[in-house]
Protein backbone atom coordinates (compact mmCIF):
# COMPACT_ATOMS: atom_id res chain seq x y z
CA MET A 1 -16.48 9.00 -2.17
CA ILE A 2 -13.25 8.45 -0.24
CA ILE A 3 -13.54 8.84 3.54
CA SER A 4 -10.50 10.28 5.33
CA ALA A 5 -10.38 9.20 8.98
CA SER A 6 -8.65 11.50 9.63
CA ARG A 7 -6.07 14.18 8.93
CA ARG A 8 -7.52 16.21 11.82
CA THR A 9 -7.26 13.62 14.58
CA ASP A 10 -6.36 10.00 15.25
CA ILE A 11 -9.73 8.28 14.96
CA PRO A 12 -8.38 4.70 15.19
CA ALA A 13 -6.42 5.44 18.37
CA PHE A 14 -8.99 7.48 20.30
CA TYR A 15 -12.40 7.28 18.62
CA SER A 16 -12.75 3.79 17.18
CA GLN A 17 -15.97 3.11 19.11
CA TRP A 18 -17.53 6.35 17.82
CA PHE A 19 -16.44 5.47 14.30
CA MET A 20 -18.00 2.01 14.44
CA ASN A 21 -21.21 3.45 15.86
CA ARG A 22 -21.37 5.79 12.89
CA ILE A 23 -20.63 2.93 10.49
CA ARG A 24 -23.59 1.03 11.96
CA ALA A 25 -25.78 4.12 11.73
CA GLY A 26 -24.70 4.69 8.12
CA THR A 27 -23.99 8.39 8.59
CA CYS A 28 -22.02 10.97 10.55
CA GLU A 29 -21.93 14.75 10.80
CA VAL A 30 -18.91 16.96 10.21
CA PRO A 31 -18.71 20.63 11.25
CA ASN A 32 -16.83 23.01 9.00
CA PRO A 33 -13.49 23.64 10.80
CA PHE A 34 -13.84 27.36 10.08
CA ASN A 35 -17.56 27.69 10.81
CA ARG A 36 -18.83 25.31 13.48
CA PHE A 37 -22.46 26.20 12.69
CA GLN A 38 -22.09 24.75 9.19
CA ILE A 39 -22.72 21.02 9.60
CA THR A 40 -22.37 18.54 6.74
CA PRO A 41 -24.01 15.11 6.90
CA VAL A 42 -21.78 12.40 5.40
CA SER A 43 -23.06 9.02 4.30
CA LEU A 44 -21.12 6.03 5.62
CA ARG A 45 -23.19 3.45 3.79
CA PRO A 46 -21.00 0.89 2.01
CA GLU A 47 -22.60 1.68 -1.33
CA ASP A 48 -21.58 5.34 -0.97
CA VAL A 49 -17.99 4.78 0.21
CA ASP A 50 -15.27 3.70 -2.22
CA VAL A 51 -12.47 3.45 0.34
CA ILE A 52 -11.79 4.51 3.93
CA VAL A 53 -8.32 5.93 4.54
CA PHE A 54 -7.24 5.65 8.19
CA TRP A 55 -4.47 7.96 9.44
CA THR A 56 -3.01 6.78 12.73
CA ARG A 57 -0.15 6.28 15.16
CA ASP A 58 -1.97 3.47 16.95
CA PRO A 59 -4.57 1.38 15.12
CA SER A 60 -4.77 -1.26 17.86
CA PRO A 61 -8.27 -0.16 19.06
CA MET A 62 -9.55 -0.77 15.52
CA LEU A 63 -8.25 -4.32 15.28
CA PRO A 64 -11.35 -5.92 16.89
CA HIS A 65 -13.58 -4.12 14.38
CA LEU A 66 -11.87 -5.07 11.11
CA MET A 67 -13.93 -8.21 10.59
CA GLU A 68 -17.12 -6.20 10.92
CA LEU A 69 -15.89 -3.68 8.37
CA ASN A 70 -15.11 -6.54 6.01
CA GLU A 71 -18.50 -8.15 6.54
CA ARG A 72 -20.24 -4.85 5.86
CA GLY A 73 -18.42 -4.59 2.54
CA PHE A 74 -16.01 -1.74 3.25
CA PHE A 75 -12.60 -1.31 1.64
CA TYR A 76 -9.90 0.47 3.61
CA TYR A 77 -6.20 1.00 4.13
CA PHE A 78 -4.06 2.43 6.89
CA LEU A 79 -1.50 5.24 6.75
CA TYR A 80 0.46 4.24 9.83
CA THR A 81 3.04 6.65 11.25
CA VAL A 82 5.94 4.87 12.97
CA MET A 83 8.89 6.91 14.20
CA ASP A 84 11.24 6.79 17.17
CA ASN A 85 11.46 10.42 18.20
CA PRO A 86 12.46 11.39 21.74
CA ARG A 87 9.68 12.20 24.21
CA SER A 88 10.62 15.87 24.01
CA ILE A 89 9.08 15.86 20.51
CA ASP A 90 6.53 13.02 20.60
CA PRO A 91 5.56 12.93 24.30
CA HIS A 92 2.63 10.50 24.25
CA CYS A 93 3.09 8.27 21.21
CA PRO A 94 3.40 4.51 21.68
CA PRO A 95 6.96 3.18 22.09
CA VAL A 96 8.47 2.14 18.79
CA THR A 97 8.62 -1.51 19.87
CA THR A 98 4.86 -1.45 20.50
CA SER A 99 4.20 0.27 17.18
CA LEU A 100 6.26 -2.28 15.27
CA HIS A 101 4.40 -5.17 16.88
CA THR A 102 1.02 -3.58 16.11
CA PHE A 103 2.09 -2.79 12.54
CA ARG A 104 3.10 -6.39 11.87
CA THR A 105 -0.10 -7.69 13.48
CA LEU A 106 -2.22 -5.40 11.32
CA ALA A 107 -0.32 -6.27 8.13
CA ASP A 108 -0.60 -9.98 8.83
CA ARG A 109 -4.35 -9.56 9.23
CA ILE A 110 -5.22 -7.38 6.21
CA GLY A 111 -2.14 -7.69 3.98
CA PRO A 112 1.02 -5.59 3.58
CA ASP A 113 -0.41 -3.76 0.57
CA LYS A 114 -3.07 -2.16 2.81
CA VAL A 115 -0.73 -0.79 5.47
CA ILE A 116 1.49 2.10 4.38
CA TRP A 117 4.35 3.22 6.61
CA ARG A 118 4.66 6.96 7.17
CA TYR A 119 7.94 8.30 8.52
CA ASP A 120 6.58 11.76 8.82
CA PRO A 121 7.41 14.46 9.57
CA VAL A 122 11.18 14.41 9.77
CA ALA A 123 12.02 17.04 12.39
CA PHE A 124 15.61 18.29 12.48
CA THR A 125 16.68 19.37 15.95
CA PRO A 126 20.00 19.16 17.85
CA GLN A 127 18.80 15.78 19.16
CA THR A 128 17.32 14.52 15.89
CA GLY A 129 19.77 15.35 13.14
CA PRO A 130 20.39 13.32 9.96
CA GLU A 131 22.41 10.68 11.83
CA PHE A 132 19.55 10.13 14.28
CA HIS A 133 17.04 9.71 11.46
CA GLU A 134 19.33 7.35 9.57
CA GLU A 135 19.52 5.06 12.58
CA ALA A 136 15.81 5.27 13.40
CA PHE A 137 14.64 4.86 9.81
CA GLY A 138 16.99 1.95 9.20
CA HIS A 139 15.86 0.13 12.33
CA ILE A 140 12.16 0.56 11.53
CA ALA A 141 12.59 -0.36 7.86
CA GLU A 142 14.34 -3.59 8.82
CA ALA A 143 11.61 -4.46 11.33
CA LEU A 144 8.84 -3.83 8.78
CA GLU A 145 10.39 -5.71 5.87
CA GLY A 146 7.74 -7.91 4.30
CA HIS A 147 4.93 -6.13 6.19
CA THR A 148 4.49 -3.14 3.89
CA ASN A 149 5.18 -2.28 0.28
CA ARG A 150 5.18 1.49 0.64
CA CYS A 151 6.87 4.19 2.68
CA ILE A 152 5.97 7.89 2.70
CA ILE A 153 8.29 10.55 4.11
CA SER A 154 8.03 14.28 4.66
CA THR A 155 9.87 17.05 6.44
CA MET A 156 8.20 19.25 9.03
CA ASN A 157 6.07 22.17 7.86
CA LEU A 158 6.54 25.01 10.36
CA TYR A 159 3.18 26.67 10.78
CA ARG A 160 3.22 29.69 13.09
CA LYS A 161 1.43 27.91 15.93
CA THR A 162 3.79 24.95 15.51
CA ARG A 163 6.83 27.19 15.70
CA ASN A 164 5.45 28.89 18.83
CA ARG A 165 4.72 25.57 20.53
CA LEU A 166 8.21 24.25 19.79
CA SER A 167 9.73 27.47 21.09
CA ARG A 168 7.73 27.32 24.34
CA LYS A 169 8.96 23.76 24.89
CA GLY A 170 12.56 24.75 24.18
CA VAL A 171 12.84 22.64 21.03
CA GLN A 172 15.09 24.27 18.45
CA ILE A 173 14.64 23.47 14.77
CA THR A 174 18.02 23.24 13.05
CA PRO A 175 17.85 22.31 9.36
CA PRO A 176 20.90 20.24 8.42
CA GLU A 177 23.57 21.26 6.01
CA GLU A 178 22.82 20.46 2.37
CA LYS A 179 25.16 17.47 2.33
CA GLY A 180 23.62 15.99 5.48
CA PHE A 181 20.13 16.30 4.00
CA LYS A 182 21.15 14.76 0.68
CA ASP A 183 22.92 11.88 2.39
CA LEU A 184 19.83 11.21 4.50
CA MET A 185 17.53 11.17 1.47
CA ARG A 186 19.85 8.76 -0.36
CA PHE A 187 20.02 6.54 2.71
CA MET A 188 16.24 6.42 3.13
CA ALA A 189 15.70 5.65 -0.55
CA GLY A 190 18.30 2.88 -0.46
CA GLU A 191 16.99 1.34 2.74
CA ALA A 192 13.40 1.35 1.50
CA GLN A 193 14.39 -0.24 -1.79
CA ASP A 194 16.46 -2.91 -0.04
CA LYS A 195 13.44 -3.79 2.12
CA GLY A 196 11.05 -4.04 -0.82
CA MET A 197 9.30 -0.71 -0.26
CA GLU A 198 8.39 1.94 -2.79
CA ILE A 199 9.31 5.29 -1.22
CA SER A 200 7.70 8.65 -1.97
CA SER A 201 7.37 12.09 -0.42
CA CYS A 202 4.27 13.74 1.05
CA ALA A 203 3.44 17.38 0.27
CA LEU A 204 7.08 18.35 -0.28
CA PRO A 205 7.84 21.13 -2.76
CA LEU A 206 11.39 19.73 -3.00
CA GLU A 207 12.41 17.59 -5.96
CA LEU A 208 13.82 14.36 -4.56
CA ASP A 209 13.78 12.24 -7.73
CA GLN A 210 17.56 12.44 -7.90
CA TYR A 211 17.68 10.41 -4.68
CA GLY A 212 15.09 7.88 -5.82
CA ILE A 213 12.15 9.48 -3.98
CA LYS A 214 9.20 10.53 -6.12
CA HIS A 215 6.33 12.86 -5.28
CA GLY A 216 3.60 10.75 -3.72
CA LYS A 217 -0.04 10.80 -2.68
CA CYS A 218 -1.39 9.54 0.62
CA VAL A 219 -4.94 9.48 -0.78
CA ASP A 220 -3.84 7.95 -4.05
CA ASP A 221 -6.16 7.19 -6.95
CA SER A 222 -3.61 4.97 -8.72
CA TYR A 223 -2.94 2.99 -5.55
CA ILE A 224 -6.67 2.55 -4.90
CA ARG A 225 -7.21 1.28 -8.44
CA LYS A 226 -4.27 -1.16 -8.12
CA VAL A 227 -5.18 -2.56 -4.69
CA PHE A 228 -8.99 -2.41 -4.71
CA GLY A 229 -9.88 -2.14 -8.40
CA HIS A 230 -11.86 1.06 -7.79
CA GLU A 231 -11.88 4.04 -10.11
CA VAL A 232 -12.09 7.21 -8.01
CA SER A 233 -11.72 10.90 -8.76
CA HIS A 234 -8.34 11.81 -10.22
CA ARG A 235 -8.79 15.47 -9.25
CA LYS A 236 -6.39 16.95 -6.73
CA ASP A 237 -7.98 17.88 -3.43
CA PRO A 238 -8.21 21.71 -3.56
CA SER A 239 -8.40 21.96 0.25
CA GLN A 240 -4.88 20.58 0.68
CA ARG A 241 -1.53 22.32 0.34
CA LYS A 242 -0.24 23.16 -3.13
CA ALA A 243 2.49 20.51 -2.93
CA CYS A 244 0.04 17.82 -1.79
CA GLY A 245 -0.91 15.37 -4.53
CA CYS A 246 -3.84 13.70 -2.74
CA VAL A 247 -7.11 13.31 -4.60
CA ILE A 248 -10.43 14.49 -3.19
CA SER A 249 -11.68 12.87 0.00
CA LYS A 250 -14.11 13.74 2.78
CA ASP A 251 -12.52 14.13 6.20
CA ILE A 252 -14.78 13.19 9.11
CA GLY A 253 -12.51 14.30 11.98
CA MET A 254 -12.33 17.45 14.08
CA TYR A 255 -9.39 19.54 15.22
CA ASP A 256 -8.18 19.69 18.83
CA THR A 257 -9.17 16.10 19.61
CA CYS A 258 -5.90 14.12 19.31
CA LEU A 259 -4.14 13.32 22.59
CA PHE A 260 -0.70 12.29 21.34
CA GLY A 261 0.58 15.85 21.81
CA CYS A 262 3.24 15.81 19.07
CA LEU A 263 4.91 19.21 19.18
CA TYR A 264 4.85 19.68 15.39
CA CYS A 265 1.13 18.84 15.05
CA TYR A 266 -0.93 21.34 13.05
CA ALA A 267 -4.28 19.78 14.01
CA THR A 268 -4.16 20.19 17.80
CA SER A 269 -3.46 23.52 19.45
CA SER A 270 -2.68 21.89 22.81
CA VAL A 271 -2.99 18.48 24.40
CA GLU A 272 -4.81 20.13 27.33
CA LYS A 273 -7.54 21.34 24.97
CA ALA A 274 -7.73 17.89 23.39
CA ARG A 275 -8.18 16.32 26.83
CA GLU A 276 -10.91 18.79 27.65
CA ASN A 277 -12.66 17.95 24.38
CA LEU A 278 -12.33 14.23 25.03
CA ARG A 279 -14.31 14.71 28.24
CA LYS A 280 -17.12 16.15 26.08
CA HIS A 281 -16.97 13.31 23.59
CA ASP A 282 -20.00 11.04 23.34
CA PRO A 283 -19.42 7.88 21.27
CA GLU A 284 -23.15 7.83 20.51
CA SER A 285 -23.08 11.34 19.02
CA PRO A 286 -23.47 11.81 15.23
CA ARG A 287 -20.31 13.95 15.25
CA LEU A 288 -17.04 13.66 17.08
CA LEU A 289 -17.90 16.59 19.36
CA LEU A 290 -21.29 18.15 19.95
CA LEU A 291 -20.28 21.78 20.36
CA LYS A 292 -22.26 24.07 22.61
CA GLY A 293 -24.94 25.99 20.76
CA VAL A 294 -24.65 23.91 17.60
CA GLY A 295 -27.67 21.81 16.70
CA ARG A 296 -28.05 18.71 14.57
CA SER A 297 -28.11 18.73 10.80
CA LYS A 298 -30.66 17.14 8.55
CA ALA A 299 -30.09 13.49 7.64
CA PRO A 300 -28.12 12.90 4.44
CA SER A 301 -30.04 12.01 1.33
């Protein structure tokens, strides 16, 4: 089993203590996002977990716990998003200088092959056009040279609630002209290659091979076999978008719990709701949030 921690929230940034408590307990509980009364127990025993995949914009709270994970026999890697968007789009994310320092610290500790840089999603607005992304991507790629072997990019997927949130905040999405987009893709591919990074796309229906960008997987069976020597399921995760190539994993997060407040986020309806949920969070709880009226599940077998 591959544990995803998590597409639904930033567990390393905000819930690292809860996560480690569940690691020590050997189990956690995950409500169905569409039916909160349906609770699934998930084993977190080392013998039941092939790999843990961390998704994060700030893994620094997890750094003190990495040795314990190693000693307990866990294998893991980080999908680490580092961008330099204006605060009008990413209002509460760490400054890029802080993220770069943390990224290098993490890579030095666990190895560059276990920290994957995500520049995702690429949002095109009047303030963040192709020229902006060229400059930001180039700066970050140069700073991360030698600290990662992989880069994953994607463009923004405009869900209805995302579009409404952007509109309320006065952020206008303006897709670039075809030439501007092509030039940006070529630039990113060239920069990544120059810095020793394999670049791929995440859940994009577009064919970018002509620019040197292949379809990728964030939860990647081939990568896991190469880095950890583990054979995992090669079956595509049916719960993900059609264009997503990720293999099956079990996500242990919950929606509406991330406090970064990125305007394009599909997992959090509002940062106010996330803050309210954080006040309900108990790091000793078997699940991220104990929702009112929802009892405990049976222990996993």
